[in-house]
Amino acid sequence: MLTRRIAHLIRTGAARPHEILAITFTNKAAREMKERIERLIG
């Protein structure tokens, strides 16, 4: 859900990528979230 919301914010122009802060517990989780968002945005 969080990754879809972030992707939506970027796609609609409501927020630029450097304006979004998403905190994860591990670097692995952060990488996975980044990859998912990149796939959703295209």
PDB file of N, CA and C in Angstrom:
ATOM      1  N   MET A   1       0.821  -1.197   0.000  1.00  0.00           N
ATOM      2  CA  MET A   1       0.000   0.000   0.000  1.00  0.00           C
ATOM      3  C   MET A   1       0.862   1.256   0.000  1.00  0.00           C
ATOM      4  N   LEU A   2       1.881   1.273   0.815  1.00  0.00           N
ATOM      5  CA  LEU A   2       2.738   2.456   0.913  1.00  0.00           C
ATOM      6  C   LEU A   2       3.449   2.742  -0.399  1.00  0.00           C
ATOM      7  N   THR A   3       3.942   1.696  -1.054  1.00  0.00           N
ATOM      8  CA  THR A   3       4.650   1.910  -2.321  1.00  0.00           C
ATOM      9  C   THR A   3       3.709   2.462  -3.389  1.00  0.00           C
ATOM     10  N   ARG A   4       2.473   1.998  -3.413  1.00  0.00           N
ATOM     11  CA  ARG A   4       1.500   2.510  -4.383  1.00  0.00           C
ATOM     12  C   ARG A   4       1.181   3.980  -4.107  1.00  0.00           C
ATOM     13  N   ARG A   5       1.096   4.346  -2.859  1.00  0.00           N
ATOM     14  CA  ARG A   5       0.812   5.739  -2.494  1.00  0.00           C
ATOM     15  C   ARG A   5       1.972   6.645  -2.916  1.00  0.00           C
ATOM     16  N   ILE A   6       3.186   6.214  -2.671  1.00  0.00           N
ATOM     17  CA  ILE A   6       4.355   6.994  -3.069  1.00  0.00           C
ATOM     18  C   ILE A   6       4.399   7.139  -4.588  1.00  0.00           C
ATOM     19  N   ALA A   7       4.182   6.049  -5.297  1.00  0.00           N
ATOM     20  CA  ALA A   7       4.179   6.097  -6.757  1.00  0.00           C
ATOM     21  C   ALA A   7       3.094   7.049  -7.256  1.00  0.00           C
ATOM     22  N   HIS A   8       1.933   7.023  -6.637  1.00  0.00           N
ATOM     23  CA  HIS A   8       0.834   7.913  -7.025  1.00  0.00           C
ATOM     24  C   HIS A   8       1.226   9.377  -6.819  1.00  0.00           C
ATOM     25  N   LEU A   9       1.843   9.684  -5.698  1.00  0.00           N
ATOM     26  CA  LEU A   9       2.264  11.055  -5.419  1.00  0.00           C
ATOM     27  C   LEU A   9       3.249  11.560  -6.466  1.00  0.00           C
ATOM     28  N   ILE A  10       4.156  10.698  -6.877  1.00  0.00           N
ATOM     29  CA  ILE A  10       5.159  11.089  -7.866  1.00  0.00           C
ATOM     30  C   ILE A  10       4.521  11.234  -9.243  1.00  0.00           C
ATOM     31  N   ARG A  11       3.703  10.246  -9.635  1.00  0.00           N
ATOM     32  CA  ARG A  11       3.070  10.278 -10.961  1.00  0.00           C
ATOM     33  C   ARG A  11       2.170  11.488 -11.155  1.00  0.00           C
ATOM     34  N   THR A  12       1.423  11.864 -10.131  1.00  0.00           N
ATOM     35  CA  THR A  12       0.489  12.976 -10.255  1.00  0.00           C
ATOM     36  C   THR A  12       1.159  14.331 -10.071  1.00  0.00           C
ATOM     37  N   GLY A  13       2.408  14.331  -9.638  1.00  0.00           N
ATOM     38  CA  GLY A  13       3.117  15.588  -9.431  1.00  0.00           C
ATOM     39  C   GLY A  13       2.820  16.224  -8.083  1.00  0.00           C
ATOM     40  N   ALA A  14       2.114  15.505  -7.215  1.00  0.00           N
ATOM     41  CA  ALA A  14       1.800  16.026  -5.888  1.00  0.00           C
ATOM     42  C   ALA A  14       3.053  16.153  -5.024  1.00  0.00           C
ATOM     43  N   ALA A  15       4.063  15.351  -5.334  1.00  0.00           N
ATOM     44  CA  ALA A  15       5.331  15.419  -4.611  1.00  0.00           C
ATOM     45  C   ALA A  15       6.447  14.953  -5.534  1.00  0.00           C
ATOM     46  N   ARG A  16       7.602  15.554  -5.360  1.00  0.00           N
ATOM     47  CA  ARG A  16       8.778  15.119  -6.103  1.00  0.00           C
ATOM     48  C   ARG A  16       9.506  14.073  -5.261  1.00  0.00           C
ATOM     49  N   PRO A  17      10.268  13.179  -5.898  1.00  0.00           N
ATOM     50  CA  PRO A  17      10.921  12.098  -5.146  1.00  0.00           C
ATOM     51  C   PRO A  17      11.757  12.577  -3.954  1.00  0.00           C
ATOM     52  N   HIS A  18      12.439  13.708  -4.095  1.00  0.00           N
ATOM     53  CA  HIS A  18      13.280  14.154  -2.981  1.00  0.00           C
ATOM     54  C   HIS A  18      12.473  14.775  -1.846  1.00  0.00           C
ATOM     55  N   GLU A  19      11.172  14.911  -2.014  1.00  0.00           N
ATOM     56  CA  GLU A  19      10.312  15.457  -0.967  1.00  0.00           C
ATOM     57  C   GLU A  19       9.642  14.361  -0.129  1.00  0.00           C
ATOM     58  N   ILE A  20       9.892  13.109  -0.461  1.00  0.00           N
ATOM     59  CA  ILE A  20       9.230  11.990   0.207  1.00  0.00           C
ATOM     60  C   ILE A  20      10.213  11.276   1.136  1.00  0.00           C
ATOM     61  N   LEU A  21       9.778  11.018   2.353  1.00  0.00           N
ATOM     62  CA  LEU A  21      10.587  10.276   3.309  1.00  0.00           C
ATOM     63  C   LEU A  21       9.832   9.011   3.696  1.00  0.00           C
ATOM     64  N   ALA A  22      10.428   7.874   3.409  1.00  0.00           N
ATOM     65  CA  ALA A  22       9.853   6.588   3.799  1.00  0.00           C
ATOM     66  C   ALA A  22      10.917   5.851   4.605  1.00  0.00           C
ATOM     67  N   ILE A  23      10.602   5.511   5.825  1.00  0.00           N
ATOM     68  CA  ILE A  23      11.572   4.883   6.722  1.00  0.00           C
ATOM     69  C   ILE A  23      11.293   3.389   6.813  1.00  0.00           C
ATOM     70  N   THR A  24      12.350   2.596   6.661  1.00  0.00           N
ATOM     71  CA  THR A  24      12.244   1.139   6.792  1.00  0.00           C
ATOM     72  C   THR A  24      13.183   0.683   7.903  1.00  0.00           C
ATOM     73  N   PHE A  25      13.047  -0.569   8.293  1.00  0.00           N
ATOM     74  CA  PHE A  25      13.883  -1.102   9.359  1.00  0.00           C
ATOM     75  C   PHE A  25      15.216  -1.632   8.846  1.00  0.00           C
ATOM     76  N   THR A  26      15.277  -2.004   7.576  1.00  0.00           N
ATOM     77  CA  THR A  26      16.526  -2.561   7.038  1.00  0.00           C
ATOM     78  C   THR A  26      16.833  -1.963   5.674  1.00  0.00           C
ATOM     79  N   ASN A  27      18.092  -2.031   5.298  1.00  0.00           N
ATOM     80  CA  ASN A  27      18.498  -1.571   3.974  1.00  0.00           C
ATOM     81  C   ASN A  27      17.877  -2.438   2.883  1.00  0.00           C
ATOM     82  N   LYS A  28      17.732  -3.729   3.161  1.00  0.00           N
ATOM     83  CA  LYS A  28      17.122  -4.632   2.193  1.00  0.00           C
ATOM     84  C   LYS A  28      15.680  -4.212   1.908  1.00  0.00           C
ATOM     85  N   ALA A  29      14.943  -3.886   2.944  1.00  0.00           N
ATOM     86  CA  ALA A  29      13.560  -3.442   2.775  1.00  0.00           C
ATOM     87  C   ALA A  29      13.513  -2.130   1.990  1.00  0.00           C
ATOM     88  N   ALA A  30      14.457  -1.244   2.243  1.00  0.00           N
ATOM     89  CA  ALA A  30      14.511   0.033   1.520  1.00  0.00           C
ATOM     90  C   ALA A  30      14.775  -0.197   0.039  1.00  0.00           C
ATOM     91  N   ARG A  31      15.698  -1.096  -0.270  1.00  0.00           N
ATOM     92  CA  ARG A  31      15.989  -1.428  -1.678  1.00  0.00           C
ATOM     93  C   ARG A  31      14.769  -2.006  -2.370  1.00  0.00           C
ATOM     94  N   GLU A  32      14.098  -2.927  -1.701  1.00  0.00           N
ATOM     95  CA  GLU A  32      12.914  -3.556  -2.275  1.00  0.00           C
ATOM     96  C   GLU A  32      11.810  -2.528  -2.523  1.00  0.00           C
ATOM     97  N   MET A  33      11.617  -1.612  -1.586  1.00  0.00           N
ATOM     98  CA  MET A  33      10.603  -0.582  -1.750  1.00  0.00           C
ATOM     99  C   MET A  33      10.957   0.320  -2.934  1.00  0.00           C
ATOM    100  N   LYS A  34      12.209   0.700  -3.038  1.00  0.00           N
ATOM    101  CA  LYS A  34      12.655   1.544  -4.147  1.00  0.00           C
ATOM    102  C   LYS A  34      12.416   0.847  -5.480  1.00  0.00           C
ATOM    103  N   GLU A  35      12.756  -0.443  -5.560  1.00  0.00           N
ATOM    104  CA  GLU A  35      12.563  -1.200  -6.798  1.00  0.00           C
ATOM    105  C   GLU A  35      11.081  -1.294  -7.168  1.00  0.00           C
ATOM    106  N   ARG A  36      10.225  -1.516  -6.179  1.00  0.00           N
ATOM    107  CA  ARG A  36       8.785  -1.607  -6.444  1.00  0.00           C
ATOM    108  C   ARG A  36       8.231  -0.286  -6.953  1.00  0.00           C
ATOM    109  N   ILE A  37       8.666   0.803  -6.338  1.00  0.00           N
ATOM    110  CA  ILE A  37       8.195   2.124  -6.778  1.00  0.00           C
ATOM    111  C   ILE A  37       8.671   2.405  -8.194  1.00  0.00           C
ATOM    112  N   GLU A  38       9.913   2.075  -8.484  1.00  0.00           N
ATOM    113  CA  GLU A  38      10.439   2.287  -9.848  1.00  0.00           C
ATOM    114  C   GLU A  38       9.640   1.492 -10.862  1.00  0.00           C
ATOM    115  N   ARG A  39       9.257   0.253 -10.525  1.00  0.00           N
ATOM    116  CA  ARG A  39       8.447  -0.559 -11.444  1.00  0.00           C
ATOM    117  C   ARG A  39       7.065   0.045 -11.650  1.00  0.00           C
ATOM    118  N   LEU A  40       6.481   0.589 -10.587  1.00  0.00           N
ATOM    119  CA  LEU A  40       5.148   1.180 -10.699  1.00  0.00           C
ATOM    120  C   LEU A  40       5.158   2.465 -11.524  1.00  0.00           C
ATOM    121  N   ILE A  41       6.218   3.243 -11.387  1.00  0.00           N
ATOM    122  CA  ILE A  41       6.300   4.511 -12.112  1.00  0.00           C
ATOM    123  C   ILE A  41       6.678   4.287 -13.572  1.00  0.00           C
ATOM    124  N   GLY A  42       7.559   3.347 -13.792  1.00  0.00           N
ATOM    125  CA  GLY A  42       7.961   3.033 -15.157  1.00  0.00           C
ATOM    126  C   GLY A  42       9.216   3.715 -15.612  1.00  0.00           C
TER     127      GLY A  42
END
